[in-house]
Amino acid sequence: MTGIKRINYPALGEVNAPYVHAVKQDKTLYISGLTAFGSVAQKGSLAEQAEVIFQQLHNIAAAENITLSALIKVTIFITSFEDIDALRTVLFHHYGDNLPASSLVEVSRLFSPDLKIEIEAIMAL
């Protein structure tokens, strides 16, 4: 297919599974689920893990010469709604006035038992 580019971003580290960090199709960037796996926040709180994920999103946006204002859709998977207020604080901080469409889903577990949150996103280019 033409117009499709599969991208791994060096700032996010090496991918050791059958996926890429993102797929660019025309003026849309589809970002795979991001977690705090391998970071100092891996065993941290939901908010700490969310901050690491948003740093990854900032890194991707910078590599594409855009900002997080280009977020058009996020899907957030969390293992518990217990810390939802702390998560909302992180989200409002990073979104500012540019709120994306969003889904929030509670799941029983992510791929590592330490992980409390995973975020996948779509950005406009």
PDB file of N, CA and C in Angstrom:
ATOM      1  N   MET A   1       0.828  -1.184   0.000  1.00  0.00           N
ATOM      2  CA  MET A   1       0.000   0.000   0.000  1.00  0.00           C
ATOM      3  C   MET A   1       0.867   1.240   0.000  1.00  0.00           C
ATOM      4  N   THR A   2       0.431   2.206  -0.725  1.00  0.00           N
ATOM      5  CA  THR A   2       1.169   3.460  -0.745  1.00  0.00           C
ATOM      6  C   THR A   2       0.633   4.400   0.322  1.00  0.00           C
ATOM      7  N   GLY A   3       1.466   5.337   0.711  1.00  0.00           N
ATOM      8  CA  GLY A   3       1.047   6.325   1.690  1.00  0.00           C
ATOM      9  C   GLY A   3       1.079   5.842   3.130  1.00  0.00           C
ATOM     10  N   ILE A   4       1.588   4.653   3.366  1.00  0.00           N
ATOM     11  CA  ILE A   4       1.676   4.136   4.737  1.00  0.00           C
ATOM     12  C   ILE A   4       3.146   4.008   5.119  1.00  0.00           C
ATOM     13  N   LYS A   5       3.480   4.558   6.283  1.00  0.00           N
ATOM     14  CA  LYS A   5       4.858   4.487   6.780  1.00  0.00           C
ATOM     15  C   LYS A   5       4.829   3.964   8.205  1.00  0.00           C
ATOM     16  N   ARG A   6       5.584   2.921   8.466  1.00  0.00           N
ATOM     17  CA  ARG A   6       5.694   2.345   9.798  1.00  0.00           C
ATOM     18  C   ARG A   6       6.929   2.930  10.476  1.00  0.00           C
ATOM     19  N   ILE A   7       6.749   3.421  11.718  1.00  0.00           N
ATOM     20  CA  ILE A   7       7.804   4.209  12.349  1.00  0.00           C
ATOM     21  C   ILE A   7       8.103   3.698  13.752  1.00  0.00           C
ATOM     22  N   ASN A   8       9.390   3.579  14.055  1.00  0.00           N
ATOM     23  CA  ASN A   8       9.866   3.387  15.422  1.00  0.00           C
ATOM     24  C   ASN A   8      10.693   4.615  15.779  1.00  0.00           C
ATOM     25  N   TYR A   9      10.439   5.188  16.929  1.00  0.00           N
ATOM     26  CA  TYR A   9      11.114   6.406  17.370  1.00  0.00           C
ATOM     27  C   TYR A   9      12.254   6.036  18.320  1.00  0.00           C
ATOM     28  N   PRO A  10      13.494   6.395  17.978  1.00  0.00           N
ATOM     29  CA  PRO A  10      14.637   6.056  18.837  1.00  0.00           C
ATOM     30  C   PRO A  10      14.466   6.502  20.285  1.00  0.00           C
ATOM     31  N   ALA A  11      13.816   7.635  20.524  1.00  0.00           N
ATOM     32  CA  ALA A  11      13.635   8.148  21.884  1.00  0.00           C
ATOM     33  C   ALA A  11      12.767   7.230  22.736  1.00  0.00           C
ATOM     34  N   LEU A  12      11.990   6.354  22.110  1.00  0.00           N
ATOM     35  CA  LEU A  12      11.107   5.447  22.845  1.00  0.00           C
ATOM     36  C   LEU A  12      11.753   4.088  23.091  1.00  0.00           C
ATOM     37  N   GLY A  13      12.937   3.867  22.564  1.00  0.00           N
ATOM     38  CA  GLY A  13      13.619   2.596  22.766  1.00  0.00           C
ATOM     39  C   GLY A  13      13.240   1.567  21.709  1.00  0.00           C
ATOM     40  N   GLU A  14      13.924   0.460  21.785  1.00  0.00           N
ATOM     41  CA  GLU A  14      13.736  -0.607  20.808  1.00  0.00           C
ATOM     42  C   GLU A  14      12.444  -1.380  21.058  1.00  0.00           C
ATOM     43  N   VAL A  15      11.772  -1.739  19.987  1.00  0.00           N
ATOM     44  CA  VAL A  15      10.566  -2.556  20.069  1.00  0.00           C
ATOM     45  C   VAL A  15      10.976  -4.016  19.959  1.00  0.00           C
ATOM     46  N   ASN A  16      10.558  -4.832  20.924  1.00  0.00           N
ATOM     47  CA  ASN A  16      10.913  -6.243  20.935  1.00  0.00           C
ATOM     48  C   ASN A  16       9.690  -7.137  20.766  1.00  0.00           C
ATOM     49  N   ALA A  17       8.722  -6.652  20.020  1.00  0.00           N
ATOM     50  CA  ALA A  17       7.490  -7.399  19.805  1.00  0.00           C
ATOM     51  C   ALA A  17       7.012  -7.110  18.385  1.00  0.00           C
ATOM     52  N   PRO A  18       5.983  -7.806  17.921  1.00  0.00           N
ATOM     53  CA  PRO A  18       5.540  -7.629  16.537  1.00  0.00           C
ATOM     54  C   PRO A  18       4.636  -6.400  16.333  1.00  0.00           C
ATOM     55  N   TYR A  19       5.191  -5.208  16.540  1.00  0.00           N
ATOM     56  CA  TYR A  19       4.470  -3.961  16.290  1.00  0.00           C
ATOM     57  C   TYR A  19       5.484  -2.851  16.092  1.00  0.00           C
ATOM     58  N   VAL A  20       5.020  -1.696  15.658  1.00  0.00           N
ATOM     59  CA  VAL A  20       5.844  -0.490  15.570  1.00  0.00           C
ATOM     60  C   VAL A  20       5.237   0.557  16.495  1.00  0.00           C
ATOM     61  N   HIS A  21       6.023   1.575  16.820  1.00  0.00           N
ATOM     62  CA  HIS A  21       5.513   2.635  17.686  1.00  0.00           C
ATOM     63  C   HIS A  21       4.318   3.351  17.061  1.00  0.00           C
ATOM     64  N   ALA A  22       4.386   3.568  15.744  1.00  0.00           N
ATOM     65  CA  ALA A  22       3.309   4.307  15.087  1.00  0.00           C
ATOM     66  C   ALA A  22       3.249   3.960  13.609  1.00  0.00           C
ATOM     67  N   VAL A  23       2.085   4.228  13.042  1.00  0.00           N
ATOM     68  CA  VAL A  23       1.889   4.084  11.606  1.00  0.00           C
ATOM     69  C   VAL A  23       1.329   5.405  11.097  1.00  0.00           C
ATOM     70  N   LYS A  24       2.026   5.954  10.092  1.00  0.00           N
ATOM     71  CA  LYS A  24       1.592   7.208   9.480  1.00  0.00           C
ATOM     72  C   LYS A  24       0.868   6.867   8.181  1.00  0.00           C
ATOM     73  N   GLN A  25      -0.327   7.419   8.041  1.00  0.00           N
ATOM     74  CA  GLN A  25      -1.085   7.247   6.803  1.00  0.00           C
ATOM     75  C   GLN A  25      -1.602   8.618   6.412  1.00  0.00           C
ATOM     76  N   ASP A  26      -1.097   9.141   5.313  1.00  0.00           N
ATOM     77  CA  ASP A  26      -1.412  10.496   4.870  1.00  0.00           C
ATOM     78  C   ASP A  26      -1.162  11.483   6.003  1.00  0.00           C
ATOM     79  N   LYS A  27      -2.199  12.128   6.513  1.00  0.00           N
ATOM     80  CA  LYS A  27      -2.024  13.167   7.538  1.00  0.00           C
ATOM     81  C   LYS A  27      -2.502  12.699   8.912  1.00  0.00           C
ATOM     82  N   THR A  28      -2.445  11.381   9.133  1.00  0.00           N
ATOM     83  CA  THR A  28      -2.862  10.825  10.413  1.00  0.00           C
ATOM     84  C   THR A  28      -1.772   9.916  10.947  1.00  0.00           C
ATOM     85  N   LEU A  29      -1.518  10.015  12.253  1.00  0.00           N
ATOM     86  CA  LEU A  29      -0.527   9.182  12.923  1.00  0.00           C
ATOM     87  C   LEU A  29      -1.242   8.328  13.962  1.00  0.00           C
ATOM     88  N   TYR A  30      -1.157   7.024  13.809  1.00  0.00           N
ATOM     89  CA  TYR A  30      -1.770   6.064  14.729  1.00  0.00           C
ATOM     90  C   TYR A  30      -0.666   5.538  15.647  1.00  0.00           C
ATOM     91  N   ILE A  31      -0.807   5.782  16.934  1.00  0.00           N
ATOM     92  CA  ILE A  31       0.246   5.445  17.892  1.00  0.00           C
ATOM     93  C   ILE A  31      -0.157   4.210  18.687  1.00  0.00           C
ATOM     94  N   SER A  32       0.735   3.226  18.724  1.00  0.00           N
ATOM     95  CA  SER A  32       0.505   2.005  19.486  1.00  0.00           C
ATOM     96  C   SER A  32       0.367   2.319  20.967  1.00  0.00           C
ATOM     97  N   GLY A  33      -0.179   1.375  21.712  1.00  0.00           N
ATOM     98  CA  GLY A  33      -0.323   1.541  23.150  1.00  0.00           C
ATOM     99  C   GLY A  33       1.022   1.796  23.813  1.00  0.00           C
ATOM    100  N   LEU A  34       1.090   2.850  24.592  1.00  0.00           N
ATOM    101  CA  LEU A  34       2.307   3.230  25.312  1.00  0.00           C
ATOM    102  C   LEU A  34       2.117   2.954  26.791  1.00  0.00           C
ATOM    103  N   THR A  35       3.191   2.486  27.434  1.00  0.00           N
ATOM    104  CA  THR A  35       3.171   2.205  28.868  1.00  0.00           C
ATOM    105  C   THR A  35       4.448   2.761  29.504  1.00  0.00           C
ATOM    106  N   ALA A  36       4.541   2.607  30.806  1.00  0.00           N
ATOM    107  CA  ALA A  36       5.744   3.008  31.544  1.00  0.00           C
ATOM    108  C   ALA A  36       6.712   1.835  31.699  1.00  0.00           C
ATOM    109  N   PHE A  37       6.512   0.765  30.947  1.00  0.00           N
ATOM    110  CA  PHE A  37       7.359  -0.423  31.055  1.00  0.00           C
ATOM    111  C   PHE A  37       8.826  -0.041  30.842  1.00  0.00           C
ATOM    112  N   GLY A  38       9.687  -0.499  31.743  1.00  0.00           N
ATOM    113  CA  GLY A  38      11.122  -0.245  31.637  1.00  0.00           C
ATOM    114  C   GLY A  38      11.557   1.110  32.179  1.00  0.00           C
ATOM    115  N   SER A  39      10.620   1.911  32.672  1.00  0.00           N
ATOM    116  CA  SER A  39      10.971   3.227  33.223  1.00  0.00           C
ATOM    117  C   SER A  39      11.008   3.151  34.745  1.00  0.00           C
ATOM    118  N   VAL A  40      11.471   4.219  35.362  1.00  0.00           N
ATOM    119  CA  VAL A  40      11.492   4.263  36.827  1.00  0.00           C
ATOM    120  C   VAL A  40      10.078   4.291  37.397  1.00  0.00           C
ATOM    121  N   ALA A  41       9.098   4.675  36.589  1.00  0.00           N
ATOM    122  CA  ALA A  41       7.712   4.748  37.057  1.00  0.00           C
ATOM    123  C   ALA A  41       6.961   3.422  36.917  1.00  0.00           C
ATOM    124  N   GLN A  42       7.620   2.393  36.381  1.00  0.00           N
ATOM    125  CA  GLN A  42       6.929   1.120  36.150  1.00  0.00           C
ATOM    126  C   GLN A  42       6.244   0.599  37.413  1.00  0.00           C
ATOM    127  N   LYS A  43       6.849   0.775  38.551  1.00  0.00           N
ATOM    128  CA  LYS A  43       6.253   0.305  39.807  1.00  0.00           C
ATOM    129  C   LYS A  43       5.571   1.445  40.562  1.00  0.00           C
ATOM    130  N   GLY A  44       5.432   2.599  39.895  1.00  0.00           N
ATOM    131  CA  GLY A  44       4.866   3.777  40.527  1.00  0.00           C
ATOM    132  C   GLY A  44       3.354   3.844  40.431  1.00  0.00           C
ATOM    133  N   SER A  45       2.842   4.992  40.794  1.00  0.00           N
ATOM    134  CA  SER A  45       1.399   5.228  40.800  1.00  0.00           C
ATOM    135  C   SER A  45       0.866   5.373  39.379  1.00  0.00           C
ATOM    136  N   LEU A  46      -0.440   5.368  39.275  1.00  0.00           N
ATOM    137  CA  LEU A  46      -1.103   5.582  37.996  1.00  0.00           C
ATOM    138  C   LEU A  46      -0.680   6.926  37.401  1.00  0.00           C
ATOM    139  N   ALA A  47      -0.668   7.973  38.212  1.00  0.00           N
ATOM    140  CA  ALA A  47      -0.288   9.300  37.731  1.00  0.00           C
ATOM    141  C   ALA A  47       1.168   9.338  37.274  1.00  0.00           C
ATOM    142  N   GLU A  48       2.060   8.693  38.022  1.00  0.00           N
ATOM    143  CA  GLU A  48       3.481   8.654  37.633  1.00  0.00           C
ATOM    144  C   GLU A  48       3.646   7.939  36.300  1.00  0.00           C
ATOM    145  N   GLN A  49       2.931   6.832  36.132  1.00  0.00           N
ATOM    146  CA  GLN A  49       3.015   6.106  34.866  1.00  0.00           C
ATOM    147  C   GLN A  49       2.426   6.927  33.725  1.00  0.00           C
ATOM    148  N   ALA A  50       1.331   7.633  33.987  1.00  0.00           N
ATOM    149  CA  ALA A  50       0.720   8.483  32.955  1.00  0.00           C
ATOM    150  C   ALA A  50       1.688   9.583  32.528  1.00  0.00           C
ATOM    151  N   GLU A  51       2.417  10.160  33.464  1.00  0.00           N
ATOM    152  CA  GLU A  51       3.398  11.201  33.122  1.00  0.00           C
ATOM    153  C   GLU A  51       4.462  10.663  32.173  1.00  0.00           C
ATOM    154  N   VAL A  52       4.944   9.444  32.421  1.00  0.00           N
ATOM    155  CA  VAL A  52       5.937   8.828  31.538  1.00  0.00           C
ATOM    156  C   VAL A  52       5.348   8.639  30.140  1.00  0.00           C
ATOM    157  N   ILE A  53       4.119   8.192  30.074  1.00  0.00           N
ATOM    158  CA  ILE A  53       3.472   7.988  28.780  1.00  0.00           C
ATOM    159  C   ILE A  53       3.322   9.319  28.043  1.00  0.00           C
ATOM    160  N   PHE A  54       2.938  10.365  28.754  1.00  0.00           N
ATOM    161  CA  PHE A  54       2.808  11.661  28.088  1.00  0.00           C
ATOM    162  C   PHE A  54       4.151  12.206  27.645  1.00  0.00           C
ATOM    163  N   GLN A  55       5.231  11.875  28.346  1.00  0.00           N
ATOM    164  CA  GLN A  55       6.555  12.259  27.862  1.00  0.00           C
ATOM    165  C   GLN A  55       6.842  11.534  26.542  1.00  0.00           C
ATOM    166  N   GLN A  56       6.441  10.272  26.444  1.00  0.00           N
ATOM    167  CA  GLN A  56       6.606   9.539  25.189  1.00  0.00           C
ATOM    168  C   GLN A  56       5.792  10.193  24.072  1.00  0.00           C
ATOM    169  N   LEU A  57       4.562  10.584  24.387  1.00  0.00           N
ATOM    170  CA  LEU A  57       3.732  11.266  23.381  1.00  0.00           C
ATOM    171  C   LEU A  57       4.351  12.594  22.968  1.00  0.00           C
ATOM    172  N   HIS A  58       4.904  13.331  23.925  1.00  0.00           N
ATOM    173  CA  HIS A  58       5.598  14.577  23.591  1.00  0.00           C
ATOM    174  C   HIS A  58       6.786  14.291  22.670  1.00  0.00           C
ATOM    175  N   ASN A  59       7.540  13.222  22.956  1.00  0.00           N
ATOM    176  CA  ASN A  59       8.685  12.861  22.110  1.00  0.00           C
ATOM    177  C   ASN A  59       8.247  12.529  20.689  1.00  0.00           C
ATOM    178  N   ILE A  60       7.161  11.796  20.557  1.00  0.00           N
ATOM    179  CA  ILE A  60       6.637  11.462  19.229  1.00  0.00           C
ATOM    180  C   ILE A  60       6.199  12.738  18.513  1.00  0.00           C
ATOM    181  N   ALA A  61       5.450  13.581  19.207  1.00  0.00           N
ATOM    182  CA  ALA A  61       4.989  14.832  18.596  1.00  0.00           C
ATOM    183  C   ALA A  61       6.176  15.679  18.141  1.00  0.00           C
ATOM    184  N   ALA A  62       7.192  15.794  18.974  1.00  0.00           N
ATOM    185  CA  ALA A  62       8.371  16.581  18.604  1.00  0.00           C
ATOM    186  C   ALA A  62       9.052  16.002  17.367  1.00  0.00           C
ATOM    187  N   ALA A  63       9.152  14.685  17.298  1.00  0.00           N
ATOM    188  CA  ALA A  63       9.764  14.038  16.126  1.00  0.00           C
ATOM    189  C   ALA A  63       8.966  14.308  14.849  1.00  0.00           C
ATOM    190  N   GLU A  64       7.679  14.552  14.997  1.00  0.00           N
ATOM    191  CA  GLU A  64       6.802  14.830  13.848  1.00  0.00           C
ATOM    192  C   GLU A  64       6.592  16.336  13.644  1.00  0.00           C
ATOM    193  N   ASN A  65       7.302  17.167  14.436  1.00  0.00           N
ATOM    194  CA  ASN A  65       7.197  18.631  14.361  1.00  0.00           C
ATOM    195  C   ASN A  65       5.776  19.130  14.631  1.00  0.00           C
ATOM    196  N   ILE A  66       5.126  18.514  15.615  1.00  0.00           N
ATOM    197  CA  ILE A  66       3.805  18.939  16.060  1.00  0.00           C
ATOM    198  C   ILE A  66       3.818  18.985  17.588  1.00  0.00           C
ATOM    199  N   THR A  67       2.690  19.312  18.182  1.00  0.00           N
ATOM    200  CA  THR A  67       2.560  19.308  19.637  1.00  0.00           C
ATOM    201  C   THR A  67       1.391  18.405  20.021  1.00  0.00           C
ATOM    202  N   LEU A  68       1.163  18.264  21.315  1.00  0.00           N
ATOM    203  CA  LEU A  68       0.044  17.442  21.765  1.00  0.00           C
ATOM    204  C   LEU A  68      -1.310  18.050  21.401  1.00  0.00           C
ATOM    205  N   SER A  69      -1.322  19.284  20.941  1.00  0.00           N
ATOM    206  CA  SER A  69      -2.579  19.854  20.461  1.00  0.00           C
ATOM    207  C   SER A  69      -3.081  19.099  19.228  1.00  0.00           C
ATOM    208  N   ALA A  70      -2.233  18.282  18.619  1.00  0.00           N
ATOM    209  CA  ALA A  70      -2.607  17.480  17.454  1.00  0.00           C
ATOM    210  C   ALA A  70      -3.305  16.171  17.840  1.00  0.00           C
ATOM    211  N   LEU A  71      -3.392  15.887  19.140  1.00  0.00           N
ATOM    212  CA  LEU A  71      -4.108  14.679  19.568  1.00  0.00           C
ATOM    213  C   LEU A  71      -5.577  14.806  19.188  1.00  0.00           C
ATOM    214  N   ILE A  72      -6.082  13.810  18.461  1.00  0.00           N
ATOM    215  CA  ILE A  72      -7.497  13.858  18.108  1.00  0.00           C
ATOM    216  C   ILE A  72      -8.297  12.752  18.790  1.00  0.00           C
ATOM    217  N   LYS A  73      -7.618  11.686  19.228  1.00  0.00           N
ATOM    218  CA  LYS A  73      -8.315  10.583  19.907  1.00  0.00           C
ATOM    219  C   LYS A  73      -7.324   9.842  20.784  1.00  0.00           C
ATOM    220  N   VAL A  74      -7.719   9.556  22.011  1.00  0.00           N
ATOM    221  CA  VAL A  74      -6.927   8.695  22.887  1.00  0.00           C
ATOM    222  C   VAL A  74      -7.831   7.595  23.426  1.00  0.00           C
ATOM    223  N   THR A  75      -7.244   6.444  23.585  1.00  0.00           N
ATOM    224  CA  THR A  75      -7.910   5.337  24.266  1.00  0.00           C
ATOM    225  C   THR A  75      -7.024   4.980  25.443  1.00  0.00           C
ATOM    226  N   ILE A  76      -7.605   5.032  26.639  1.00  0.00           N
ATOM    227  CA  ILE A  76      -6.843   4.817  27.867  1.00  0.00           C
ATOM    228  C   ILE A  76      -7.357   3.551  28.541  1.00  0.00           C
ATOM    229  N   PHE A  77      -6.427   2.656  28.825  1.00  0.00           N
ATOM    230  CA  PHE A  77      -6.736   1.416  29.527  1.00  0.00           C
ATOM    231  C   PHE A  77      -6.114   1.515  30.917  1.00  0.00           C
ATOM    232  N   ILE A  78      -6.917   1.351  31.963  1.00  0.00           N
ATOM    233  CA  ILE A  78      -6.402   1.382  33.332  1.00  0.00           C
ATOM    234  C   ILE A  78      -6.849   0.119  34.065  1.00  0.00           C
ATOM    235  N   THR A  79      -6.076  -0.265  35.068  1.00  0.00           N
ATOM    236  CA  THR A  79      -6.402  -1.486  35.811  1.00  0.00           C
ATOM    237  C   THR A  79      -7.305  -1.218  37.004  1.00  0.00           C
ATOM    238  N   SER A  80      -7.504   0.075  37.343  1.00  0.00           N
ATOM    239  CA  SER A  80      -8.390   0.407  38.457  1.00  0.00           C
ATOM    240  C   SER A  80      -8.807   1.869  38.354  1.00  0.00           C
ATOM    241  N   PHE A  81     -10.056   2.134  38.690  1.00  0.00           N
ATOM    242  CA  PHE A  81     -10.547   3.507  38.723  1.00  0.00           C
ATOM    243  C   PHE A  81     -10.229   4.190  40.054  1.00  0.00           C
ATOM    244  N   GLU A  82      -9.491   3.514  40.920  1.00  0.00           N
ATOM    245  CA  GLU A  82      -9.195   4.026  42.258  1.00  0.00           C
ATOM    246  C   GLU A  82      -8.517   5.398  42.241  1.00  0.00           C
ATOM    247  N   ASP A  83      -7.582   5.619  41.307  1.00  0.00           N
ATOM    248  CA  ASP A  83      -6.825   6.875  41.257  1.00  0.00           C
ATOM    249  C   ASP A  83      -7.272   7.761  40.103  1.00  0.00           C
ATOM    250  N   ILE A  84      -8.547   7.717  39.754  1.00  0.00           N
ATOM    251  CA  ILE A  84      -9.032   8.439  38.580  1.00  0.00           C
ATOM    252  C   ILE A  84      -8.850   9.948  38.704  1.00  0.00           C
ATOM    253  N   ASP A  85      -8.987  10.502  39.899  1.00  0.00           N
ATOM    254  CA  ASP A  85      -8.811  11.947  40.054  1.00  0.00           C
ATOM    255  C   ASP A  85      -7.378  12.379  39.736  1.00  0.00           C
ATOM    256  N   ALA A  86      -6.410  11.600  40.177  1.00  0.00           N
ATOM    257  CA  ALA A  86      -5.011  11.907  39.871  1.00  0.00           C
ATOM    258  C   ALA A  86      -4.761  11.810  38.365  1.00  0.00           C
ATOM    259  N   LEU A  87      -5.376  10.828  37.719  1.00  0.00           N
ATOM    260  CA  LEU A  87      -5.234  10.691  36.273  1.00  0.00           C
ATOM    261  C   LEU A  87      -5.846  11.892  35.566  1.00  0.00           C
ATOM    262  N   ARG A  88      -7.011  12.313  35.980  1.00  0.00           N
ATOM    263  CA  ARG A  88      -7.659  13.475  35.362  1.00  0.00           C
ATOM    264  C   ARG A  88      -6.780  14.718  35.465  1.00  0.00           C
ATOM    265  N   THR A  89      -6.115  14.891  36.590  1.00  0.00           N
ATOM    266  CA  THR A  89      -5.210  16.027  36.764  1.00  0.00           C
ATOM    267  C   THR A  89      -4.093  15.981  35.725  1.00  0.00           C
ATOM    268  N   VAL A  90      -3.502  14.803  35.532  1.00  0.00           N
ATOM    269  CA  VAL A  90      -2.442  14.646  34.527  1.00  0.00           C
ATOM    270  C   VAL A  90      -2.989  14.949  33.132  1.00  0.00           C
ATOM    271  N   LEU A  91      -4.155  14.408  32.817  1.00  0.00           N
ATOM    272  CA  LEU A  91      -4.726  14.609  31.487  1.00  0.00           C
ATOM    273  C   LEU A  91      -4.996  16.082  31.209  1.00  0.00           C
ATOM    274  N   PHE A  92      -5.662  16.778  32.136  1.00  0.00           N
ATOM    275  CA  PHE A  92      -5.946  18.195  31.927  1.00  0.00           C
ATOM    276  C   PHE A  92      -4.663  19.011  31.781  1.00  0.00           C
ATOM    277  N   HIS A  93      -3.632  18.652  32.548  1.00  0.00           N
ATOM    278  CA  HIS A  93      -2.351  19.351  32.452  1.00  0.00           C
ATOM    279  C   HIS A  93      -1.764  19.233  31.046  1.00  0.00           C
ATOM    280  N   HIS A  94      -1.774  18.039  30.486  1.00  0.00           N
ATOM    281  CA  HIS A  94      -1.148  17.828  29.176  1.00  0.00           C
ATOM    282  C   HIS A  94      -2.044  18.241  28.012  1.00  0.00           C
ATOM    283  N   TYR A  95      -3.337  18.132  28.151  1.00  0.00           N
ATOM    284  CA  TYR A  95      -4.238  18.520  27.061  1.00  0.00           C
ATOM    285  C   TYR A  95      -4.401  20.032  26.956  1.00  0.00           C
ATOM    286  N   GLY A  96      -4.393  20.717  28.067  1.00  0.00           N
ATOM    287  CA  GLY A  96      -4.689  22.143  28.041  1.00  0.00           C
ATOM    288  C   GLY A  96      -6.090  22.364  27.497  1.00  0.00           C
ATOM    289  N   ASP A  97      -6.202  23.280  26.545  1.00  0.00           N
ATOM    290  CA  ASP A  97      -7.494  23.579  25.936  1.00  0.00           C
ATOM    291  C   ASP A  97      -7.809  22.682  24.744  1.00  0.00           C
ATOM    292  N   ASN A  98      -6.904  21.770  24.405  1.00  0.00           N
ATOM    293  CA  ASN A  98      -7.052  20.926  23.223  1.00  0.00           C
ATOM    294  C   ASN A  98      -7.496  19.518  23.605  1.00  0.00           C
ATOM    295  N   LEU A  99      -8.714  19.409  24.108  1.00  0.00           N
ATOM    296  CA  LEU A  99      -9.214  18.115  24.558  1.00  0.00           C
ATOM    297  C   LEU A  99      -9.477  17.195  23.362  1.00  0.00           C
ATOM    298  N   PRO A 100      -8.928  15.973  23.397  1.00  0.00           N
ATOM    299  CA  PRO A 100      -9.194  15.021  22.314  1.00  0.00           C
ATOM    300  C   PRO A 100     -10.474  14.234  22.591  1.00  0.00           C
ATOM    301  N   ALA A 101     -10.967  13.552  21.578  1.00  0.00           N
ATOM    302  CA  ALA A 101     -11.981  12.528  21.818  1.00  0.00           C
ATOM    303  C   ALA A 101     -11.281  11.459  22.650  1.00  0.00           C
ATOM    304  N   SER A 102     -12.028  10.777  23.520  1.00  0.00           N
ATOM    305  CA  SER A 102     -11.357   9.865  24.449  1.00  0.00           C
ATOM    306  C   SER A 102     -12.258   8.717  24.861  1.00  0.00           C
ATOM    307  N   SER A 103     -11.637   7.582  25.114  1.00  0.00           N
ATOM    308  CA  SER A 103     -12.298   6.432  25.723  1.00  0.00           C
ATOM    309  C   SER A 103     -11.454   6.012  26.916  1.00  0.00           C
ATOM    310  N   LEU A 104     -12.117   5.630  27.998  1.00  0.00           N
ATOM    311  CA  LEU A 104     -11.439   5.166  29.202  1.00  0.00           C
ATOM    312  C   LEU A 104     -12.027   3.815  29.567  1.00  0.00           C
ATOM    313  N   VAL A 105     -11.165   2.796  29.614  1.00  0.00           N
ATOM    314  CA  VAL A 105     -11.613   1.428  29.815  1.00  0.00           C
ATOM    315  C   VAL A 105     -10.852   0.805  30.974  1.00  0.00           C
ATOM    316  N   GLU A 106     -11.583   0.192  31.895  1.00  0.00           N
ATOM    317  CA  GLU A 106     -10.931  -0.566  32.959  1.00  0.00           C
ATOM    318  C   GLU A 106     -10.707  -1.993  32.465  1.00  0.00           C
ATOM    319  N   VAL A 107      -9.473  -2.472  32.646  1.00  0.00           N
ATOM    320  CA  VAL A 107      -9.113  -3.834  32.242  1.00  0.00           C
ATOM    321  C   VAL A 107      -8.609  -4.589  33.466  1.00  0.00           C
ATOM    322  N   SER A 108      -8.638  -5.899  33.415  1.00  0.00           N
ATOM    323  CA  SER A 108      -8.208  -6.685  34.566  1.00  0.00           C
ATOM    324  C   SER A 108      -6.687  -6.691  34.726  1.00  0.00           C
ATOM    325  N   ARG A 109      -5.963  -6.533  33.601  1.00  0.00           N
ATOM    326  CA  ARG A 109      -4.516  -6.595  33.676  1.00  0.00           C
ATOM    327  C   ARG A 109      -3.915  -6.103  32.374  1.00  0.00           C
ATOM    328  N   LEU A 110      -2.718  -5.528  32.469  1.00  0.00           N
ATOM    329  CA  LEU A 110      -1.921  -5.202  31.289  1.00  0.00           C
ATOM    330  C   LEU A 110      -0.806  -6.233  31.181  1.00  0.00           C
ATOM    331  N   PHE A 111       0.060  -6.121  30.186  1.00  0.00           N
ATOM    332  CA  PHE A 111       1.012  -7.208  29.916  1.00  0.00           C
ATOM    333  C   PHE A 111       2.047  -7.440  31.004  1.00  0.00           C
ATOM    334  N   SER A 112       2.236  -6.476  31.898  1.00  0.00           N
ATOM    335  CA  SER A 112       3.117  -6.652  33.053  1.00  0.00           C
ATOM    336  C   SER A 112       2.312  -6.291  34.300  1.00  0.00           C
ATOM    337  N   PRO A 113       2.410  -7.078  35.361  1.00  0.00           N
ATOM    338  CA  PRO A 113       1.585  -6.822  36.550  1.00  0.00           C
ATOM    339  C   PRO A 113       1.835  -5.467  37.206  1.00  0.00           C
ATOM    340  N   ASP A 114       2.990  -4.842  36.978  1.00  0.00           N
ATOM    341  CA  ASP A 114       3.292  -3.527  37.549  1.00  0.00           C
ATOM    342  C   ASP A 114       2.554  -2.389  36.839  1.00  0.00           C
ATOM    343  N   LEU A 115       2.145  -2.628  35.619  1.00  0.00           N
ATOM    344  CA  LEU A 115       1.562  -1.553  34.822  1.00  0.00           C
ATOM    345  C   LEU A 115       0.119  -1.283  35.216  1.00  0.00           C
ATOM    346  N   LYS A 116      -0.196  -0.002  35.341  1.00  0.00           N
ATOM    347  CA  LYS A 116      -1.532   0.424  35.744  1.00  0.00           C
ATOM    348  C   LYS A 116      -2.278   1.135  34.621  1.00  0.00           C
ATOM    349  N   ILE A 117      -1.546   1.524  33.548  1.00  0.00           N
ATOM    350  CA  ILE A 117      -2.150   2.314  32.479  1.00  0.00           C
ATOM    351  C   ILE A 117      -1.427   2.080  31.152  1.00  0.00           C
ATOM    352  N   GLU A 118      -2.213   2.094  30.094  1.00  0.00           N
ATOM    353  CA  GLU A 118      -1.698   2.062  28.722  1.00  0.00           C
ATOM    354  C   GLU A 118      -2.541   3.032  27.920  1.00  0.00           C
ATOM    355  N   ILE A 119      -1.864   3.817  27.067  1.00  0.00           N
ATOM    356  CA  ILE A 119      -2.570   4.798  26.256  1.00  0.00           C
ATOM    357  C   ILE A 119      -2.190   4.618  24.799  1.00  0.00           C
ATOM    358  N   GLU A 120      -3.202   4.506  23.937  1.00  0.00           N
ATOM    359  CA  GLU A 120      -2.966   4.562  22.502  1.00  0.00           C
ATOM    360  C   GLU A 120      -3.594   5.842  21.992  1.00  0.00           C
ATOM    361  N   ALA A 121      -3.070   6.367  20.889  1.00  0.00           N
ATOM    362  CA  ALA A 121      -3.493   7.690  20.449  1.00  0.00           C
ATOM    363  C   ALA A 121      -3.506   7.818  18.934  1.00  0.00           C
ATOM    364  N   ILE A 122      -4.260   8.803  18.479  1.00  0.00           N
ATOM    365  CA  ILE A 122      -4.276   9.191  17.076  1.00  0.00           C
ATOM    366  C   ILE A 122      -3.994  10.690  17.048  1.00  0.00           C
ATOM    367  N   MET A 123      -3.050  11.084  16.171  1.00  0.00           N
ATOM    368  CA  MET A 123      -2.691  12.489  16.025  1.00  0.00           C
ATOM    369  C   MET A 123      -2.899  12.931  14.581  1.00  0.00           C
ATOM    370  N   ALA A 124      -3.287  14.179  14.426  1.00  0.00           N
ATOM    371  CA  ALA A 124      -3.384  14.783  13.111  1.00  0.00           C
ATOM    372  C   ALA A 124      -2.016  15.378  12.755  1.00  0.00           C
ATOM    373  N   LEU A 125      -1.606  15.187  11.529  1.00  0.00           N
ATOM    374  CA  LEU A 125      -0.310  15.726  11.082  1.00  0.00           C
ATOM    375  C   LEU A 125      -0.512  16.940  10.192  1.00  0.00           C
TER     376      LEU A 125
END
